[in-house]
Amino acid sequence: MSPGAPVPLPPHWFQILLAVADQDRHGLGIMTDVLERTGGAMKLWPGMLYRNLGKLVEDGLLVEVEAPAGAETAGGRPRFYRLTAAGRRACAAEAERLAGFVEAARRKKLLKA
């Protein structure tokens, strides 16, 4: 885990890191990905999102990158974010930790095999 990453990761940090795990995304892209993936259970409001993006960059889990060529910008100059190696390790460690809970629920026959 990254020295800057809290253990466990706050749920919204995990969701933000997960949103950029497979591609660079801007703030709106992150908000949309999280909202869709969580079935609407987690909505990241802009103030909360950008405050936490700044903290994730400061802690070395994300970096700001140039917009990819041809990216939709909606008229502005969106900031794109990319997962760092430390961010990938922190996200993977949190996923493993959560998977352990799922496995415990499976052993207690709360879930189907």
N, C-alpha and C. Protein backbone atom coordinates (compact mmCIF):
# COMPACT_ATOMS: atom_id res chain seq x y z
N MET A 1 0.86 -1.18 0.00
CA MET A 1 0.00 0.00 0.00
C MET A 1 0.89 1.23 0.00
N SER A 2 0.40 2.29 -0.56
CA SER A 2 1.16 3.53 -0.59
C SER A 2 1.30 4.11 0.80
N PRO A 3 2.46 4.75 1.10
CA PRO A 3 2.59 5.39 2.41
C PRO A 3 1.53 6.46 2.64
N GLY A 4 1.02 7.09 1.57
CA GLY A 4 0.02 8.14 1.70
C GLY A 4 -1.40 7.64 1.73
N ALA A 5 -1.61 6.35 1.51
CA ALA A 5 -2.96 5.81 1.42
C ALA A 5 -3.42 5.33 2.79
N PRO A 6 -4.57 5.82 3.26
CA PRO A 6 -5.10 5.32 4.52
C PRO A 6 -5.59 3.88 4.36
N VAL A 7 -5.58 3.14 5.44
CA VAL A 7 -6.07 1.75 5.42
C VAL A 7 -7.22 1.65 6.42
N PRO A 8 -8.37 1.18 6.06
CA PRO A 8 -8.80 0.96 4.69
C PRO A 8 -9.01 2.29 3.96
N LEU A 9 -9.08 2.21 2.63
CA LEU A 9 -9.37 3.42 1.86
C LEU A 9 -10.78 3.89 2.15
N PRO A 10 -11.00 5.19 2.25
CA PRO A 10 -12.39 5.66 2.32
C PRO A 10 -13.15 5.17 1.08
N PRO A 11 -14.42 4.78 1.23
CA PRO A 11 -15.16 4.22 0.09
C PRO A 11 -15.14 5.11 -1.16
N HIS A 12 -15.23 6.43 -0.99
CA HIS A 12 -15.24 7.29 -2.18
C HIS A 12 -13.85 7.34 -2.83
N TRP A 13 -12.79 7.20 -2.07
CA TRP A 13 -11.44 7.12 -2.66
C TRP A 13 -11.31 5.85 -3.50
N PHE A 14 -11.78 4.74 -2.94
CA PHE A 14 -11.72 3.47 -3.68
C PHE A 14 -12.48 3.60 -4.99
N GLN A 15 -13.67 4.19 -4.96
CA GLN A 15 -14.48 4.33 -6.18
C GLN A 15 -13.80 5.25 -7.20
N ILE A 16 -13.18 6.32 -6.74
CA ILE A 16 -12.47 7.23 -7.65
C ILE A 16 -11.29 6.50 -8.30
N LEU A 17 -10.50 5.80 -7.50
CA LEU A 17 -9.35 5.07 -8.05
C LEU A 17 -9.82 4.00 -9.02
N LEU A 18 -10.90 3.32 -8.68
CA LEU A 18 -11.46 2.29 -9.56
C LEU A 18 -11.91 2.89 -10.90
N ALA A 19 -12.44 4.11 -10.86
CA ALA A 19 -12.94 4.77 -12.08
C ALA A 19 -11.82 5.05 -13.07
N VAL A 20 -10.60 5.28 -12.57
CA VAL A 20 -9.49 5.60 -13.48
C VAL A 20 -8.53 4.42 -13.65
N ALA A 21 -8.90 3.25 -13.14
CA ALA A 21 -8.01 2.09 -13.20
C ALA A 21 -7.78 1.61 -14.63
N ASP A 22 -8.77 1.78 -15.50
CA ASP A 22 -8.62 1.27 -16.87
C ASP A 22 -8.44 2.35 -17.91
N GLN A 23 -8.66 3.62 -17.55
CA GLN A 23 -8.46 4.71 -18.50
C GLN A 23 -8.42 6.04 -17.77
N ASP A 24 -7.72 7.00 -18.37
CA ASP A 24 -7.69 8.36 -17.82
C ASP A 24 -9.10 8.93 -17.94
N ARG A 25 -9.52 9.65 -16.92
CA ARG A 25 -10.86 10.26 -16.96
C ARG A 25 -10.80 11.66 -16.37
N HIS A 26 -11.73 12.51 -16.80
CA HIS A 26 -11.89 13.82 -16.20
C HIS A 26 -12.96 13.73 -15.12
N GLY A 27 -13.16 14.82 -14.39
CA GLY A 27 -14.07 14.80 -13.26
C GLY A 27 -15.46 14.29 -13.58
N LEU A 28 -16.07 14.80 -14.64
CA LEU A 28 -17.42 14.36 -14.99
C LEU A 28 -17.42 12.87 -15.34
N GLY A 29 -16.38 12.41 -16.04
CA GLY A 29 -16.27 10.99 -16.37
C GLY A 29 -16.17 10.14 -15.12
N ILE A 30 -15.43 10.61 -14.13
CA ILE A 30 -15.30 9.88 -12.87
C ILE A 30 -16.66 9.84 -12.16
N MET A 31 -17.33 11.00 -12.07
CA MET A 31 -18.63 11.05 -11.40
C MET A 31 -19.62 10.10 -12.07
N THR A 32 -19.66 10.09 -13.40
CA THR A 32 -20.59 9.25 -14.15
C THR A 32 -20.27 7.77 -13.94
N ASP A 33 -18.98 7.42 -14.02
CA ASP A 33 -18.57 6.02 -13.84
C ASP A 33 -18.97 5.51 -12.46
N VAL A 34 -18.69 6.30 -11.44
CA VAL A 34 -19.01 5.88 -10.06
C VAL A 34 -20.52 5.75 -9.89
N LEU A 35 -21.26 6.72 -10.38
CA LEU A 35 -22.72 6.68 -10.24
C LEU A 35 -23.30 5.44 -10.92
N GLU A 36 -22.83 5.13 -12.15
CA GLU A 36 -23.35 3.96 -12.88
C GLU A 36 -22.92 2.66 -12.22
N ARG A 37 -21.64 2.56 -11.84
CA ARG A 37 -21.12 1.31 -11.28
C ARG A 37 -21.73 0.99 -9.93
N THR A 38 -22.10 2.02 -9.16
CA THR A 38 -22.68 1.77 -7.84
C THR A 38 -24.21 1.75 -7.89
N GLY A 39 -24.76 1.77 -9.08
CA GLY A 39 -26.22 1.75 -9.21
C GLY A 39 -26.88 2.95 -8.56
N GLY A 40 -26.18 4.08 -8.55
CA GLY A 40 -26.71 5.31 -7.99
C GLY A 40 -26.51 5.43 -6.48
N ALA A 41 -25.89 4.43 -5.87
CA ALA A 41 -25.70 4.45 -4.41
C ALA A 41 -24.65 5.47 -3.98
N MET A 42 -23.70 5.79 -4.86
CA MET A 42 -22.68 6.78 -4.49
C MET A 42 -22.64 7.88 -5.54
N LYS A 43 -23.08 9.05 -5.14
CA LYS A 43 -23.02 10.22 -6.02
C LYS A 43 -21.94 11.14 -5.48
N LEU A 44 -20.96 11.45 -6.32
CA LEU A 44 -19.87 12.34 -5.94
C LEU A 44 -20.22 13.74 -6.42
N TRP A 45 -20.53 14.61 -5.50
CA TRP A 45 -20.84 15.99 -5.86
C TRP A 45 -19.54 16.69 -6.25
N PRO A 46 -19.59 17.69 -7.13
CA PRO A 46 -18.35 18.32 -7.62
C PRO A 46 -17.42 18.81 -6.52
N GLY A 47 -17.93 19.47 -5.50
CA GLY A 47 -17.05 19.97 -4.44
C GLY A 47 -16.32 18.84 -3.74
N MET A 48 -17.04 17.78 -3.45
CA MET A 48 -16.44 16.62 -2.79
C MET A 48 -15.44 15.95 -3.72
N LEU A 49 -15.82 15.78 -4.98
CA LEU A 49 -14.94 15.10 -5.93
C LEU A 49 -13.62 15.85 -6.08
N TYR A 50 -13.69 17.14 -6.36
CA TYR A 50 -12.45 17.88 -6.65
C TYR A 50 -11.59 18.05 -5.41
N ARG A 51 -12.18 18.16 -4.25
CA ARG A 51 -11.40 18.21 -3.00
C ARG A 51 -10.64 16.90 -2.83
N ASN A 52 -11.31 15.77 -3.09
CA ASN A 52 -10.67 14.47 -2.93
C ASN A 52 -9.69 14.16 -4.05
N LEU A 53 -9.96 14.63 -5.27
CA LEU A 53 -8.97 14.47 -6.34
C LEU A 53 -7.68 15.18 -5.96
N GLY A 54 -7.80 16.37 -5.40
CA GLY A 54 -6.61 17.10 -4.97
C GLY A 54 -5.83 16.33 -3.90
N LYS A 55 -6.55 15.71 -2.98
CA LYS A 55 -5.90 14.94 -1.92
C LYS A 55 -5.24 13.68 -2.49
N LEU A 56 -5.91 13.03 -3.44
CA LEU A 56 -5.34 11.83 -4.06
C LEU A 56 -4.08 12.17 -4.86
N VAL A 57 -4.08 13.32 -5.52
CA VAL A 57 -2.88 13.77 -6.25
C VAL A 57 -1.78 14.09 -5.24
N GLU A 58 -2.13 14.81 -4.19
CA GLU A 58 -1.15 15.18 -3.14
C GLU A 58 -0.52 13.94 -2.50
N ASP A 59 -1.30 12.89 -2.34
CA ASP A 59 -0.80 11.65 -1.72
C ASP A 59 -0.12 10.72 -2.73
N GLY A 60 -0.06 11.14 -4.00
CA GLY A 60 0.66 10.35 -5.01
C GLY A 60 -0.10 9.16 -5.55
N LEU A 61 -1.43 9.13 -5.36
CA LEU A 61 -2.21 8.01 -5.87
C LEU A 61 -2.76 8.29 -7.27
N LEU A 62 -2.87 9.55 -7.63
CA LEU A 62 -3.29 9.98 -8.97
C LEU A 62 -2.34 11.05 -9.46
N VAL A 63 -2.26 11.20 -10.78
CA VAL A 63 -1.56 12.34 -11.38
C VAL A 63 -2.50 12.98 -12.39
N GLU A 64 -2.33 14.28 -12.56
CA GLU A 64 -3.10 14.99 -13.58
C GLU A 64 -2.34 14.85 -14.89
N VAL A 65 -3.05 14.55 -15.97
CA VAL A 65 -2.43 14.36 -17.28
C VAL A 65 -3.15 15.20 -18.32
N GLU A 66 -2.51 15.37 -19.47
CA GLU A 66 -3.12 16.09 -20.58
C GLU A 66 -4.33 15.31 -21.09
N ALA A 67 -5.31 16.02 -21.61
CA ALA A 67 -6.48 15.38 -22.21
C ALA A 67 -6.04 14.58 -23.43
N PRO A 68 -6.57 13.36 -23.57
CA PRO A 68 -6.24 12.58 -24.76
C PRO A 68 -6.75 13.28 -26.02
N ALA A 69 -6.07 13.07 -27.15
CA ALA A 69 -6.51 13.66 -28.42
C ALA A 69 -7.93 13.22 -28.72
N GLY A 70 -8.77 14.18 -29.08
CA GLY A 70 -10.14 13.87 -29.45
C GLY A 70 -11.08 13.70 -28.28
N ALA A 71 -10.61 13.99 -27.07
CA ALA A 71 -11.47 13.84 -25.90
C ALA A 71 -12.60 14.86 -25.92
N GLU A 72 -13.79 14.43 -25.49
CA GLU A 72 -14.92 15.35 -25.38
C GLU A 72 -14.63 16.30 -24.22
N THR A 73 -14.80 17.59 -24.47
CA THR A 73 -14.46 18.56 -23.44
C THR A 73 -15.65 19.36 -22.94
N ALA A 74 -16.77 19.31 -23.59
CA ALA A 74 -17.96 20.08 -23.20
C ALA A 74 -17.65 21.57 -23.11
N GLY A 75 -16.73 22.02 -23.95
CA GLY A 75 -16.46 23.45 -24.03
C GLY A 75 -15.34 23.95 -23.15
N GLY A 76 -14.98 23.25 -22.12
CA GLY A 76 -13.93 23.71 -21.21
C GLY A 76 -12.63 22.99 -21.45
N ARG A 77 -11.73 23.11 -20.50
CA ARG A 77 -10.45 22.40 -20.55
C ARG A 77 -10.42 21.46 -19.36
N PRO A 78 -11.03 20.28 -19.53
CA PRO A 78 -11.14 19.36 -18.40
C PRO A 78 -9.77 18.83 -17.96
N ARG A 79 -9.65 18.59 -16.68
CA ARG A 79 -8.45 17.97 -16.13
C ARG A 79 -8.66 16.46 -16.14
N PHE A 80 -7.70 15.76 -16.69
CA PHE A 80 -7.76 14.30 -16.71
C PHE A 80 -6.84 13.76 -15.63
N TYR A 81 -7.24 12.62 -15.09
CA TYR A 81 -6.48 11.99 -14.01
C TYR A 81 -6.11 10.58 -14.39
N ARG A 82 -4.91 10.17 -13.93
CA ARG A 82 -4.39 8.82 -14.20
C ARG A 82 -3.94 8.20 -12.89
N LEU A 83 -4.19 6.91 -12.78
CA LEU A 83 -3.76 6.15 -11.61
C LEU A 83 -2.23 6.01 -11.64
N THR A 84 -1.58 6.24 -10.52
CA THR A 84 -0.14 6.01 -10.41
C THR A 84 0.09 4.56 -9.98
N ALA A 85 1.34 4.14 -9.98
CA ALA A 85 1.66 2.78 -9.50
C ALA A 85 1.23 2.64 -8.04
N ALA A 86 1.47 3.68 -7.23
CA ALA A 86 1.05 3.63 -5.82
C ALA A 86 -0.48 3.58 -5.72
N GLY A 87 -1.17 4.31 -6.60
CA GLY A 87 -2.63 4.28 -6.61
C GLY A 87 -3.16 2.92 -7.01
N ARG A 88 -2.48 2.28 -7.96
CA ARG A 88 -2.91 0.93 -8.39
C ARG A 88 -2.72 -0.05 -7.23
N ARG A 89 -1.60 0.05 -6.52
CA ARG A 89 -1.37 -0.85 -5.38
C ARG A 89 -2.42 -0.61 -4.29
N ALA A 90 -2.73 0.65 -4.00
CA ALA A 90 -3.71 0.97 -2.96
C ALA A 90 -5.10 0.46 -3.35
N CYS A 91 -5.47 0.65 -4.62
CA CYS A 91 -6.79 0.20 -5.09
C CYS A 91 -6.87 -1.33 -5.06
N ALA A 92 -5.81 -2.00 -5.50
CA ALA A 92 -5.79 -3.47 -5.49
C ALA A 92 -5.84 -4.00 -4.07
N ALA A 93 -5.11 -3.37 -3.15
CA ALA A 93 -5.12 -3.82 -1.75
C ALA A 93 -6.51 -3.67 -1.15
N GLU A 94 -7.19 -2.57 -1.47
CA GLU A 94 -8.56 -2.38 -0.96
C GLU A 94 -9.51 -3.40 -1.57
N ALA A 95 -9.36 -3.68 -2.86
CA ALA A 95 -10.21 -4.70 -3.50
C ALA A 95 -9.99 -6.06 -2.85
N GLU A 96 -8.73 -6.40 -2.54
CA GLU A 96 -8.43 -7.68 -1.87
C GLU A 96 -9.07 -7.71 -0.49
N ARG A 97 -8.99 -6.59 0.24
CA ARG A 97 -9.58 -6.52 1.57
C ARG A 97 -11.10 -6.74 1.49
N LEU A 98 -11.75 -6.09 0.53
CA LEU A 98 -13.19 -6.25 0.37
C LEU A 98 -13.56 -7.66 -0.09
N ALA A 99 -12.72 -8.24 -0.96
CA ALA A 99 -12.97 -9.61 -1.43
C ALA A 99 -12.92 -10.58 -0.25
N GLY A 100 -12.09 -10.29 0.74
CA GLY A 100 -12.03 -11.13 1.93
C GLY A 100 -13.36 -11.15 2.67
N PHE A 101 -14.04 -10.02 2.71
CA PHE A 101 -15.37 -9.97 3.34
C PHE A 101 -16.38 -10.79 2.55
N VAL A 102 -16.30 -10.71 1.23
CA VAL A 102 -17.21 -11.49 0.38
C VAL A 102 -16.96 -12.98 0.61
N GLU A 103 -15.69 -13.37 0.70
CA GLU A 103 -15.36 -14.77 0.94
C GLU A 103 -15.89 -15.23 2.31
N ALA A 104 -15.79 -14.38 3.31
CA ALA A 104 -16.33 -14.72 4.63
C ALA A 104 -17.84 -14.92 4.55
N ALA A 105 -18.52 -14.06 3.83
CA ALA A 105 -19.98 -14.19 3.67
C ALA A 105 -20.31 -15.48 2.92
N ARG A 106 -19.45 -15.84 1.95
CA ARG A 106 -19.68 -17.08 1.19
C ARG A 106 -19.50 -18.29 2.12
N ARG A 107 -18.48 -18.28 2.96
CA ARG A 107 -18.25 -19.40 3.89
C ARG A 107 -19.41 -19.54 4.87
N LYS A 108 -20.05 -18.44 5.20
CA LYS A 108 -21.19 -18.49 6.13
C LYS A 108 -22.50 -18.74 5.39
N LYS A 109 -22.36 -19.10 4.12
CA LYS A 109 -23.50 -19.49 3.27
C LYS A 109 -24.53 -18.36 3.12
N LEU A 110 -24.03 -17.13 3.16
CA LEU A 110 -24.91 -15.99 2.89
C LEU A 110 -25.00 -15.71 1.40
N LEU A 111 -24.02 -16.23 0.65
CA LEU A 111 -23.98 -16.06 -0.80
C LEU A 111 -23.97 -17.42 -1.46
N LYS A 112 -24.46 -17.47 -2.67
CA LYS A 112 -24.36 -18.70 -3.45
C LYS A 112 -22.91 -18.85 -3.89
N ALA A 113 -22.48 -20.07 -4.06
CA ALA A 113 -21.09 -20.36 -4.46
C ALA A 113 -20.76 -19.53 -5.66
